Amino acid sequence: MFSRNLTEKEIEMIGIIEGFVREKHAHSIGHDYSHIIEVTRRAIEIAQMLSEPVDPFILICGALFHDLGRVGVPTGAMHG
């Protein structure tokens, strides 16, 4: 469950972050933008099933940024 609702400022910031992430992943293969959105969707679904409160802003930002370090790295290079 979410601990609170997003503020208008947080919604605005998520939009900016989403645009940044989309741009960074524009030429990615595998861990591309669609993967980021799917991870974000699943993170939200899981949070809604939990009995512990989850901060929605931290959850969404974490999901959007989770593969940013992979941008430009060949697929499979970071798995070992």
C-alpha atoms as a PDB file:
ATOM      1  CA  MET A   1       0.000   0.000   0.000  1.00  0.00           C
ATOM      2  CA  PHE A   2       1.117   3.525  -0.579  1.00  0.00           C
ATOM      3  CA  SER A   3       1.833   5.667   2.450  1.00  0.00           C
ATOM      4  CA  ARG A   4       0.413   8.784   0.800  1.00  0.00           C
ATOM      5  CA  ASN A   5      -0.654  10.361  -2.483  1.00  0.00           C
ATOM      6  CA  LEU A   6       1.825  12.017  -4.803  1.00  0.00           C
ATOM      7  CA  THR A   7       1.965  15.809  -4.633  1.00  0.00           C
ATOM      8  CA  GLU A   8       1.489  17.908  -7.769  1.00  0.00           C
ATOM      9  CA  LYS A   9       5.202  18.787  -7.686  1.00  0.00           C
ATOM     10  CA  GLU A  10       6.151  15.100  -7.464  1.00  0.00           C
ATOM     11  CA  ILE A  11       3.893  14.264 -10.412  1.00  0.00           C
ATOM     12  CA  GLU A  12       5.588  17.041 -12.382  1.00  0.00           C
ATOM     13  CA  MET A  13       9.041  15.765 -11.387  1.00  0.00           C
ATOM     14  CA  ILE A  14       8.136  12.181 -12.371  1.00  0.00           C
ATOM     15  CA  GLY A  15       7.128  13.485 -15.802  1.00  0.00           C
ATOM     16  CA  ILE A  16      10.509  15.177 -16.184  1.00  0.00           C
ATOM     17  CA  ILE A  17      12.348  12.064 -14.988  1.00  0.00           C
ATOM     18  CA  GLU A  18      10.302   9.860 -17.324  1.00  0.00           C
ATOM     19  CA  GLY A  19      11.244  12.077 -20.283  1.00  0.00           C
ATOM     20  CA  PHE A  20      14.916  11.980 -19.303  1.00  0.00           C
ATOM     21  CA  VAL A  21      14.872   8.185 -18.942  1.00  0.00           C
ATOM     22  CA  ARG A  22      13.020   7.774 -22.255  1.00  0.00           C
ATOM     23  CA  GLU A  23      15.664   9.886 -24.002  1.00  0.00           C
ATOM     24  CA  LYS A  24      18.571   8.009 -22.384  1.00  0.00           C
ATOM     25  CA  HIS A  25      17.108   4.615 -23.332  1.00  0.00           C
ATOM     26  CA  ALA A  26      16.095   5.660 -26.870  1.00  0.00           C
ATOM     27  CA  HIS A  27      18.759   3.489 -28.499  1.00  0.00           C
ATOM     28  CA  SER A  28      18.974   0.743 -25.876  1.00  0.00           C
ATOM     29  CA  ILE A  29      18.242  -2.867 -26.758  1.00  0.00           C
ATOM     30  CA  GLY A  30      16.893  -5.320 -24.189  1.00  0.00           C
ATOM     31  CA  HIS A  31      16.854  -3.036 -21.177  1.00  0.00           C
ATOM     32  CA  ASP A  32      15.067  -0.386 -23.190  1.00  0.00           C
ATOM     33  CA  TYR A  33      12.358   2.126 -22.332  1.00  0.00           C
ATOM     34  CA  SER A  34       9.557  -0.464 -22.538  1.00  0.00           C
ATOM     35  CA  HIS A  35      11.433  -2.566 -19.956  1.00  0.00           C
ATOM     36  CA  ILE A  36      11.664   0.457 -17.648  1.00  0.00           C
ATOM     37  CA  ILE A  37       7.913   1.073 -17.899  1.00  0.00           C
ATOM     38  CA  GLU A  38       7.143  -2.611 -17.261  1.00  0.00           C
ATOM     39  CA  VAL A  39       9.378  -2.631 -14.159  1.00  0.00           C
ATOM     40  CA  THR A  40       7.668   0.543 -12.921  1.00  0.00           C
ATOM     41  CA  ARG A  41       4.217  -0.978 -13.471  1.00  0.00           C
ATOM     42  CA  ARG A  42       5.180  -4.168 -11.639  1.00  0.00           C
ATOM     43  CA  ALA A  43       6.740  -2.233  -8.749  1.00  0.00           C
ATOM     44  CA  ILE A  44       3.481  -0.326  -8.309  1.00  0.00           C
ATOM     45  CA  GLU A  45       1.467  -3.575  -8.400  1.00  0.00           C
ATOM     46  CA  ILE A  46       3.702  -5.166  -5.763  1.00  0.00           C
ATOM     47  CA  ALA A  47       3.561  -2.071  -3.533  1.00  0.00           C
ATOM     48  CA  GLN A  48      -0.236  -2.142  -3.644  1.00  0.00           C
ATOM     49  CA  MET A  49      -0.208  -5.737  -2.334  1.00  0.00           C
ATOM     50  CA  LEU A  50       2.093  -5.003   0.619  1.00  0.00           C
ATOM     51  CA  SER A  51       0.827  -4.323   4.104  1.00  0.00           C
ATOM     52  CA  GLU A  52       3.854  -2.100   4.809  1.00  0.00           C
ATOM     53  CA  PRO A  53       3.473   1.524   3.643  1.00  0.00           C
ATOM     54  CA  VAL A  54       5.551   2.462   0.595  1.00  0.00           C
ATOM     55  CA  ASP A  55       6.416   6.005  -0.483  1.00  0.00           C
ATOM     56  CA  PRO A  56       5.097   6.248  -4.060  1.00  0.00           C
ATOM     57  CA  PHE A  57       7.585   8.911  -5.171  1.00  0.00           C
ATOM     58  CA  ILE A  58      10.620   6.907  -4.066  1.00  0.00           C
ATOM     59  CA  LEU A  59       9.210   3.712  -5.576  1.00  0.00           C
ATOM     60  CA  ILE A  60       8.456   5.256  -8.974  1.00  0.00           C
ATOM     61  CA  CYS A  61      11.749   7.155  -9.190  1.00  0.00           C
ATOM     62  CA  GLY A  62      13.685   4.035  -8.203  1.00  0.00           C
ATOM     63  CA  ALA A  63      11.937   1.969 -10.858  1.00  0.00           C
ATOM     64  CA  LEU A  64      12.486   4.605 -13.544  1.00  0.00           C
ATOM     65  CA  PHE A  65      16.196   4.987 -12.711  1.00  0.00           C
ATOM     66  CA  HIS A  66      16.973   1.306 -12.009  1.00  0.00           C
ATOM     67  CA  ASP A  67      18.810   0.599 -15.302  1.00  0.00           C
ATOM     68  CA  LEU A  68      20.268   4.031 -16.020  1.00  0.00           C
ATOM     69  CA  GLY A  69      23.801   2.716 -15.405  1.00  0.00           C
ATOM     70  CA  ARG A  70      23.324   0.178 -18.219  1.00  0.00           C
ATOM     71  CA  VAL A  71      22.819   2.793 -20.927  1.00  0.00           C
ATOM     72  CA  GLY A  72      25.548   2.327 -23.515  1.00  0.00           C
ATOM     73  CA  VAL A  73      26.782  -0.946 -22.009  1.00  0.00           C
ATOM     74  CA  PRO A  74      26.524  -3.977 -24.339  1.00  0.00           C
ATOM     75  CA  THR A  75      23.684  -6.387 -23.496  1.00  0.00           C
ATOM     76  CA  GLY A  76      24.920  -9.104 -21.149  1.00  0.00           C
ATOM     77  CA  ALA A  77      28.078  -7.234 -20.132  1.00  0.00           C
ATOM     78  CA  MET A  78      26.759  -6.482 -16.639  1.00  0.00           C
ATOM     79  CA  HIS A  79      25.520 -10.010 -15.918  1.00  0.00           C
ATOM     80  CA  GLY A  80      28.109 -12.355 -14.558  1.00  0.00           C
END
